[in-house]
PDB file of N, CA and C in Angstrom:
ATOM      1  N   MET A   1      48.426  -5.167  -3.421  1.00  0.00           N
ATOM      2  CA  MET A   1      49.365  -4.097  -3.107  1.00  0.00           C
ATOM      3  C   MET A   1      48.866  -3.407  -1.991  1.00  0.00           C
ATOM      4  N   GLU A   2      49.850  -2.953  -1.236  1.00  0.00           N
ATOM      5  CA  GLU A   2      49.736  -1.573  -0.371  1.00  0.00           C
ATOM      6  C   GLU A   2      50.045  -0.196  -1.036  1.00  0.00           C
ATOM      7  N   ILE A   3      48.947   0.481  -0.694  1.00  0.00           N
ATOM      8  CA  ILE A   3      49.069   2.111  -0.597  1.00  0.00           C
ATOM      9  C   ILE A   3      48.922   2.789   0.677  1.00  0.00           C
ATOM     10  N   LYS A   4      50.227   3.618   0.991  1.00  0.00           N
ATOM     11  CA  LYS A   4      49.975   3.973   2.516  1.00  0.00           C
ATOM     12  C   LYS A   4      49.897   6.225   1.993  1.00  0.00           C
ATOM     13  N   VAL A   5      48.996   6.620   2.147  1.00  0.00           N
ATOM     14  CA  VAL A   5      48.866   7.989   2.389  1.00  0.00           C
ATOM     15  C   VAL A   5      49.059   8.894   3.582  1.00  0.00           C
ATOM     16  N   ARG A   6      49.666  10.029   3.476  1.00  0.00           N
ATOM     17  CA  ARG A   6      50.585  10.518   4.876  1.00  0.00           C
ATOM     18  C   ARG A   6      49.776  11.987   4.896  1.00  0.00           C
ATOM     19  N   ASN A   7      49.991  12.645   5.666  1.00  0.00           N
ATOM     20  CA  ASN A   7      49.408  14.100   5.905  1.00  0.00           C
ATOM     21  C   ASN A   7      48.260  14.069   5.335  1.00  0.00           C
ATOM     22  N   VAL A   8      46.923  13.105   5.488  1.00  0.00           N
ATOM     23  CA  VAL A   8      45.483  13.444   5.111  1.00  0.00           C
ATOM     24  C   VAL A   8      45.145  14.219   6.451  1.00  0.00           C
ATOM     25  N   ASP A   9      44.518  15.467   6.108  1.00  0.00           N
ATOM     26  CA  ASP A   9      43.620  16.258   7.214  1.00  0.00           C
ATOM     27  C   ASP A   9      42.959  15.438   7.892  1.00  0.00           C
ATOM     28  N   PRO A  10      42.578  15.769   9.248  1.00  0.00           N
ATOM     29  CA  PRO A  10      42.061  14.919  10.585  1.00  0.00           C
ATOM     30  C   PRO A  10      40.627  14.946  10.064  1.00  0.00           C
ATOM     31  N   ILE A  11      40.105  16.382   9.329  1.00  0.00           N
ATOM     32  CA  ILE A  11      38.557  16.120   9.283  1.00  0.00           C
ATOM     33  C   ILE A  11      38.453  15.291   8.112  1.00  0.00           C
ATOM     34  N   ALA A  12      39.355  15.288   7.210  1.00  0.00           N
ATOM     35  CA  ALA A  12      38.746  14.164   5.908  1.00  0.00           C
ATOM     36  C   ALA A  12      38.933  13.084   6.664  1.00  0.00           C
ATOM     37  N   VAL A  13      39.917  12.532   7.410  1.00  0.00           N
ATOM     38  CA  VAL A  13      39.892  11.250   7.781  1.00  0.00           C
ATOM     39  C   VAL A  13      38.491  10.772   8.981  1.00  0.00           C
ATOM     40  N   GLU A  14      37.905  11.479   9.692  1.00  0.00           N
ATOM     41  CA  GLU A  14      36.791  11.766  10.017  1.00  0.00           C
ATOM     42  C   GLU A  14      35.873  11.081   9.388  1.00  0.00           C
ATOM     43  N   LYS A  15      35.511  11.940   8.701  1.00  0.00           N
ATOM     44  CA  LYS A  15      34.526  12.029   7.425  1.00  0.00           C
ATOM     45  C   LYS A  15      34.697  10.692   6.636  1.00  0.00           C
ATOM     46  N   ILE A  16      35.751  10.107   6.464  1.00  0.00           N
ATOM     47  CA  ILE A  16      36.348   8.871   5.616  1.00  0.00           C
ATOM     48  C   ILE A  16      35.865   7.693   7.104  1.00  0.00           C
ATOM     49  N   ASP A  17      36.014   8.009   8.038  1.00  0.00           N
ATOM     50  CA  ASP A  17      35.653   7.181   9.309  1.00  0.00           C
ATOM     51  C   ASP A  17      34.185   7.068   9.331  1.00  0.00           C
ATOM     52  N   GLU A  18      33.608   8.089   9.039  1.00  0.00           N
ATOM     53  CA  GLU A  18      32.200   8.351   9.433  1.00  0.00           C
ATOM     54  C   GLU A  18      31.024   7.282   8.199  1.00  0.00           C
ATOM     55  N   MET A  19      31.618   7.511   7.289  1.00  0.00           N
ATOM     56  CA  MET A  19      31.401   6.886   5.886  1.00  0.00           C
ATOM     57  C   MET A  19      31.536   5.200   5.799  1.00  0.00           C
ATOM     58  N   ALA A  20      33.065   4.887   6.205  1.00  0.00           N
ATOM     59  CA  ALA A  20      33.250   3.408   6.731  1.00  0.00           C
ATOM     60  C   ALA A  20      32.057   2.677   7.599  1.00  0.00           C
ATOM     61  N   LYS A  21      32.078   3.830   8.875  1.00  0.00           N
ATOM     62  CA  LYS A  21      31.168   3.099   9.678  1.00  0.00           C
ATOM     63  C   LYS A  21      29.575   2.943   9.220  1.00  0.00           C
ATOM     64  N   GLU A  22      29.350   4.462   8.513  1.00  0.00           N
ATOM     65  CA  GLU A  22      27.854   4.034   8.069  1.00  0.00           C
ATOM     66  C   GLU A  22      27.741   2.416   7.015  1.00  0.00           C
ATOM     67  N   LYS A  23      28.900   1.994   6.175  1.00  0.00           N
ATOM     68  CA  LYS A  23      28.755   0.854   5.559  1.00  0.00           C
ATOM     69  C   LYS A  23      29.111  -0.192   6.546  1.00  0.00           C
ATOM     70  N   LYS A  24      29.771   0.087   7.403  1.00  0.00           N
ATOM     71  CA  LYS A  24      29.755  -1.404   8.498  1.00  0.00           C
ATOM     72  C   LYS A  24      31.074  -1.871   7.765  1.00  0.00           C
ATOM     73  N   ILE A  25      32.015  -1.256   7.678  1.00  0.00           N
ATOM     74  CA  ILE A  25      33.425  -1.913   7.111  1.00  0.00           C
ATOM     75  C   ILE A  25      34.457  -0.684   7.479  1.00  0.00           C
ATOM     76  N   SER A  26      35.780  -1.500   7.417  1.00  0.00           N
ATOM     77  CA  SER A  26      36.442  -0.707   8.179  1.00  0.00           C
ATOM     78  C   SER A  26      37.022   0.512   7.435  1.00  0.00           C
ATOM     79  N   ARG A  27      37.847   1.335   7.498  1.00  0.00           N
ATOM     80  CA  ARG A  27      38.336   2.794   7.126  1.00  0.00           C
ATOM     81  C   ARG A  27      39.016   2.206   5.358  1.00  0.00           C
ATOM     82  N   SER A  28      40.043   1.300   5.767  1.00  0.00           N
ATOM     83  CA  SER A  28      40.769   0.391   4.526  1.00  0.00           C
ATOM     84  C   SER A  28      39.779  -0.245   3.612  1.00  0.00           C
ATOM     85  N   GLU A  29      39.060  -0.750   4.059  1.00  0.00           N
ATOM     86  CA  GLU A  29      37.988  -1.645   3.353  1.00  0.00           C
ATOM     87  C   GLU A  29      37.308  -0.499   2.335  1.00  0.00           C
ATOM     88  N   PHE A  30      36.658   1.017   3.067  1.00  0.00           N
ATOM     89  CA  PHE A  30      36.041   1.796   2.402  1.00  0.00           C
ATOM     90  C   PHE A  30      36.953   2.624   1.416  1.00  0.00           C
ATOM     91  N   LEU A  31      38.522   2.389   1.577  1.00  0.00           N
ATOM     92  CA  LEU A  31      39.245   3.106   0.815  1.00  0.00           C
ATOM     93  C   LEU A  31      39.713   2.712  -0.416  1.00  0.00           C
ATOM     94  N   LYS A  32      39.901   0.995  -0.095  1.00  0.00           N
ATOM     95  CA  LYS A  32      39.824   0.157  -1.007  1.00  0.00           C
ATOM     96  C   LYS A  32      39.023   0.301  -2.308  1.00  0.00           C
ATOM     97  N   GLY A  33      38.180   0.420  -1.585  1.00  0.00           N
ATOM     98  CA  GLY A  33      36.516   0.177  -2.820  1.00  0.00           C
ATOM     99  C   GLY A  33      36.629   1.827  -3.563  1.00  0.00           C
ATOM    100  N   GLN A  34      36.717   2.560  -2.734  1.00  0.00           N
ATOM    101  CA  GLN A  34      36.631   4.011  -3.135  1.00  0.00           C
ATOM    102  C   GLN A  34      37.936   3.934  -4.263  1.00  0.00           C
ATOM    103  N   ILE A  35      38.960   3.825  -4.250  1.00  0.00           N
ATOM    104  CA  ILE A  35      40.340   3.584  -4.840  1.00  0.00           C
ATOM    105  C   ILE A  35      39.722   3.023  -6.407  1.00  0.00           C
ATOM    106  N   GLU A  36      39.446   1.782  -6.149  1.00  0.00           N
ATOM    107  CA  GLU A  36      39.036   0.680  -7.344  1.00  0.00           C
ATOM    108  C   GLU A  36      37.700   1.741  -8.222  1.00  0.00           C
ATOM    109  N   THR A  37      36.904   1.955  -7.659  1.00  0.00           N
ATOM    110  CA  THR A  37      35.890   2.778  -7.995  1.00  0.00           C
ATOM    111  C   THR A  37      36.582   3.715  -9.026  1.00  0.00           C
ATOM    112  N   PHE A  38      36.895   4.918  -8.472  1.00  0.00           N
ATOM    113  CA  PHE A  38      37.656   5.731  -9.213  1.00  0.00           C
ATOM    114  C   PHE A  38      38.775   5.279 -10.297  1.00  0.00           C
ATOM    115  N   ALA A  39      39.594   4.078 -10.373  1.00  0.00           N
ATOM    116  CA  ALA A  39      40.592   3.719 -11.166  1.00  0.00           C
ATOM    117  C   ALA A  39      39.180   2.923 -12.718  1.00  0.00           C
ATOM    118  N   LEU A  40      38.115   2.519 -12.225  1.00  0.00           N
ATOM    119  CA  LEU A  40      37.516   1.789 -12.941  1.00  0.00           C
ATOM    120  C   LEU A  40      36.613   3.291 -13.616  1.00  0.00           C
ATOM    121  N   LEU A  41      36.446   3.868 -13.189  1.00  0.00           N
ATOM    122  CA  LEU A  41      35.721   5.237 -13.678  1.00  0.00           C
ATOM    123  C   LEU A  41      36.555   5.889 -14.926  1.00  0.00           C
ATOM    124  N   GLN A  42      37.614   5.915 -14.463  1.00  0.00           N
ATOM    125  CA  GLN A  42      38.887   6.147 -15.399  1.00  0.00           C
ATOM    126  C   GLN A  42      38.746   5.541 -16.320  1.00  0.00           C
ATOM    127  N   LEU A  43      38.642   4.403 -16.197  1.00  0.00           N
ATOM    128  CA  LEU A  43      39.206   3.533 -17.720  1.00  0.00           C
ATOM    129  C   LEU A  43      37.755   3.359 -18.366  1.00  0.00           C
ATOM    130  N   GLN A  44      36.863   3.814 -17.974  1.00  0.00           N
ATOM    131  CA  GLN A  44      35.274   4.010 -18.555  1.00  0.00           C
ATOM    132  C   GLN A  44      35.511   5.518 -19.025  1.00  0.00           C
ATOM    133  N   LYS A  45      35.788   6.386 -18.489  1.00  0.00           N
ATOM    134  CA  LYS A  45      35.894   7.809 -19.620  1.00  0.00           C
ATOM    135  C   LYS A  45      37.065   7.311 -20.337  1.00  0.00           C
ATOM    136  N   ASP A  46      37.815   6.774 -20.498  1.00  0.00           N
ATOM    137  CA  ASP A  46      39.052   6.575 -21.323  1.00  0.00           C
ATOM    138  C   ASP A  46      38.189   5.958 -22.929  1.00  0.00           C
ATOM    139  N   HIS A  47      37.586   4.933 -22.321  1.00  0.00           N
ATOM    140  CA  HIS A  47      36.683   3.878 -23.313  1.00  0.00           C
ATOM    141  C   HIS A  47      35.868   4.993 -24.070  1.00  0.00           C
ATOM    142  N   GLU A  48      34.819   5.477 -23.514  1.00  0.00           N
ATOM    143  CA  GLU A  48      34.113   6.470 -23.762  1.00  0.00           C
ATOM    144  C   GLU A  48      34.425   7.701 -24.849  1.00  0.00           C
ATOM    145  N   ALA A  49      35.839   8.322 -24.242  1.00  0.00           N
ATOM    146  CA  ALA A  49      36.303   9.074 -25.812  1.00  0.00           C
ATOM    147  C   ALA A  49      36.950   8.737 -26.792  1.00  0.00           C
ATOM    148  N   ALA A  50      37.618   7.250 -26.547  1.00  0.00           N
ATOM    149  CA  ALA A  50      37.501   6.485 -27.429  1.00  0.00           C
ATOM    150  C   ALA A  50      36.320   5.886 -28.370  1.00  0.00           C
ATOM    151  N   LEU A  51      35.642   6.052 -27.773  1.00  0.00           N
ATOM    152  CA  LEU A  51      34.339   5.816 -28.497  1.00  0.00           C
ATOM    153  C   LEU A  51      33.458   6.893 -29.311  1.00  0.00           C
ATOM    154  N   GLU A  52      33.901   7.563 -28.909  1.00  0.00           N
ATOM    155  CA  GLU A  52      33.173   9.545 -29.437  1.00  0.00           C
ATOM    156  C   GLU A  52      33.877   9.498 -30.380  1.00  0.00           C
ATOM    157  N   ASP A  53      35.250   9.376 -30.082  1.00  0.00           N
ATOM    158  CA  ASP A  53      36.165   9.418 -31.368  1.00  0.00           C
ATOM    159  C   ASP A  53      35.986   8.797 -32.426  1.00  0.00           C
ATOM    160  N   LEU A  54      35.583   7.682 -32.485  1.00  0.00           N
ATOM    161  CA  LEU A  54      35.060   6.665 -33.594  1.00  0.00           C
ATOM    162  C   LEU A  54      33.775   6.995 -33.913  1.00  0.00           C
ATOM    163  N   ILE A  55      32.716   7.468 -33.430  1.00  0.00           N
ATOM    164  CA  ILE A  55      31.698   7.901 -34.108  1.00  0.00           C
ATOM    165  C   ILE A  55      31.887   8.907 -34.452  1.00  0.00           C
ATOM    166  N   ASP A  56      32.670   9.985 -34.387  1.00  0.00           N
ATOM    167  CA  ASP A  56      32.996  11.387 -35.286  1.00  0.00           C
ATOM    168  C   ASP A  56      33.533  11.172 -36.193  1.00  0.00           C
ATOM    169  N   LYS A  57      34.591  10.003 -36.327  1.00  0.00           N
ATOM    170  CA  LYS A  57      35.297   9.445 -37.632  1.00  0.00           C
ATOM    171  C   LYS A  57      34.087   8.996 -38.635  1.00  0.00           C
ATOM    172  N   ASN A  58      33.395   7.883 -37.981  1.00  0.00           N
ATOM    173  CA  ASN A  58      32.123   7.225 -38.736  1.00  0.00           C
ATOM    174  C   ASN A  58      31.576   8.128 -39.423  1.00  0.00           C
ATOM    175  N   ILE A  59      30.914   9.091 -38.765  1.00  0.00           N
ATOM    176  CA  ILE A  59      29.744  10.113 -39.100  1.00  0.00           C
ATOM    177  C   ILE A  59      30.749  11.279 -40.305  1.00  0.00           C
ATOM    178  N   LYS A  60      31.670  11.510 -40.038  1.00  0.00           N
ATOM    179  CA  LYS A  60      32.674  12.364 -40.976  1.00  0.00           C
ATOM    180  C   LYS A  60      32.653  11.286 -42.493  1.00  0.00           C
ATOM    181  N   MET A  61      33.136   9.921 -41.849  1.00  0.00           N
ATOM    182  CA  MET A  61      33.003   8.876 -43.476  1.00  0.00           C
ATOM    183  C   MET A  61      31.623   8.912 -44.022  1.00  0.00           C
ATOM    184  N   MET A  62      30.397   8.939 -43.356  1.00  0.00           N
ATOM    185  CA  MET A  62      29.226   8.732 -44.132  1.00  0.00           C
ATOM    186  C   MET A  62      28.794  10.157 -44.718  1.00  0.00           C
ATOM    187  N   GLU A  63      29.740  11.501 -44.125  1.00  0.00           N
ATOM    188  CA  GLU A  63      29.023  12.535 -45.353  1.00  0.00           C
ATOM    189  C   GLU A  63      29.616  12.415 -46.057  1.00  0.00           C
ATOM    190  N   LYS A  64      31.259  12.243 -46.345  1.00  0.00           N
ATOM    191  CA  LYS A  64      31.423  12.099 -47.656  1.00  0.00           C
ATOM    192  C   LYS A  64      30.722  10.988 -48.384  1.00  0.00           C
ATOM    193  N   CYS A  65      30.610   9.861 -47.798  1.00  0.00           N
ATOM    194  CA  CYS A  65      29.695   8.986 -48.643  1.00  0.00           C
ATOM    195  C   CYS A  65      28.397   9.706 -49.304  1.00  0.00           C
ATOM    196  N   ALA A  66      27.824  10.270 -48.479  1.00  0.00           N
ATOM    197  CA  ALA A  66      26.771  11.088 -48.693  1.00  0.00           C
ATOM    198  C   ALA A  66      26.660  11.859 -49.969  1.00  0.00           C
ATOM    199  N   VAL A  67      28.370  12.592 -49.946  1.00  0.00           N
ATOM    200  CA  VAL A  67      28.397  13.750 -51.055  1.00  0.00           C
ATOM    201  C   VAL A  67      28.486  12.641 -52.281  1.00  0.00           C
ATOM    202  N   ALA A  68      29.518  11.343 -52.185  1.00  0.00           N
ATOM    203  CA  ALA A  68      29.737  10.779 -53.415  1.00  0.00           C
ATOM    204  C   ALA A  68      28.800  10.273 -53.904  1.00  0.00           C
ATOM    205  N   ILE A  69      27.648   9.822 -53.143  1.00  0.00           N
ATOM    206  CA  ILE A  69      26.226   9.302 -53.961  1.00  0.00           C
ATOM    207  C   ILE A  69      25.402  10.324 -54.710  1.00  0.00           C
ATOM    208  N   GLU A  70      25.405  11.358 -54.217  1.00  0.00           N
ATOM    209  CA  GLU A  70      24.392  12.584 -54.775  1.00  0.00           C
ATOM    210  C   GLU A  70      25.381  12.806 -56.134  1.00  0.00           C
ATOM    211  N   ARG A  71      26.730  12.933 -56.199  1.00  0.00           N
ATOM    212  CA  ARG A  71      27.567  13.228 -57.107  1.00  0.00           C
ATOM    213  C   ARG A  71      27.046  11.975 -58.649  1.00  0.00           C
ATOM    214  N   MET A  72      26.915  10.909 -57.977  1.00  0.00           N
ATOM    215  CA  MET A  72      27.035   9.736 -58.915  1.00  0.00           C
ATOM    216  C   MET A  72      25.619   9.728 -59.336  1.00  0.00           C
ATOM    217  N   ASN A  73      24.634  10.304 -58.163  1.00  0.00           N
ATOM    218  CA  ASN A  73      23.041  10.108 -58.711  1.00  0.00           C
ATOM    219  C   ASN A  73      22.946  11.276 -59.884  1.00  0.00           C
ATOM    220  N   GLY A  74      23.535  12.539 -59.570  1.00  0.00           N
ATOM    221  CA  GLY A  74      23.486  13.353 -60.680  1.00  0.00           C
ATOM    222  C   GLY A  74      23.905  13.288 -62.041  1.00  0.00           C
ATOM    223  N   PHE A  75      25.268  11.991 -61.909  1.00  0.00           N
ATOM    224  CA  PHE A  75      25.977  12.132 -62.996  1.00  0.00           C
ATOM    225  C   PHE A  75      25.034  10.609 -63.924  1.00  0.00           C
ATOM    226  N   ILE A  76      24.063  10.079 -63.038  1.00  0.00           N
ATOM    227  CA  ILE A  76      23.126   8.595 -63.627  1.00  0.00           C
ATOM    228  C   ILE A  76      22.029   9.312 -64.250  1.00  0.00           C
ATOM    229  N   GLU A  77      21.455  10.801 -63.671  1.00  0.00           N
ATOM    230  CA  GLU A  77      20.216  11.308 -64.095  1.00  0.00           C
ATOM    231  C   GLU A  77      20.925  12.338 -65.479  1.00  0.00           C
ATOM    232  N   GLU A  78      21.914  12.848 -65.426  1.00  0.00           N
ATOM    233  CA  GLU A  78      22.294  13.539 -66.712  1.00  0.00           C
ATOM    234  C   GLU A  78      22.770  12.326 -67.734  1.00  0.00           C
ATOM    235  N   MET A  79      23.151  10.897 -67.541  1.00  0.00           N
ATOM    236  CA  MET A  79      23.369  10.375 -68.652  1.00  0.00           C
ATOM    237  C   MET A  79      21.969   9.892 -69.168  1.00  0.00           C
ATOM    238  N   VAL A  80      20.824   9.412 -68.127  1.00  0.00           N
ATOM    239  CA  VAL A  80      19.358   9.176 -68.392  1.00  0.00           C
ATOM    240  C   VAL A  80      18.889  10.256 -69.481  1.00  0.00           C
ATOM    241  N   GLU A  81      19.015  11.404 -69.157  1.00  0.00           N
ATOM    242  CA  GLU A  81      18.807  12.583 -69.953  1.00  0.00           C
ATOM    243  C   GLU A  81      19.435  12.490 -71.072  1.00  0.00           C
ATOM    244  N   TYR A  82      20.501  12.247 -71.149  1.00  0.00           N
ATOM    245  CA  TYR A  82      21.552  12.317 -72.661  1.00  0.00           C
ATOM    246  C   TYR A  82      21.091  11.372 -73.329  1.00  0.00           C
ATOM    247  N   GLU A  83      20.721   9.777 -72.924  1.00  0.00           N
ATOM    248  CA  GLU A  83      19.857   9.000 -74.023  1.00  0.00           C
ATOM    249  C   GLU A  83      18.680   9.271 -74.732  1.00  0.00           C
ATOM    250  N   LYS A  84      18.015  10.132 -73.820  1.00  0.00           N
ATOM    251  CA  LYS A  84      16.554  10.363 -74.166  1.00  0.00           C
ATOM    252  C   LYS A  84      16.852  10.977 -75.430  1.00  0.00           C
TER     253      LYS A  84
END
């Protein structure tokens, strides 16, 4: 695909050209890499956010399970004491 960007500050273009020159690649190659990296980082951030949400949900469920287990243990202890 082709992307055109207009009205870029000349100072920014100069800096981009310097960075591309340091890497011994064209401005186009440099910008292509930067755009692709940006897109992949956004995708990774989205995946991380979804994973954090899943972890939070799992923690909440584990807390509920721990409470239920404590209740069952208390009930079992009462039943054992009752039978003595």
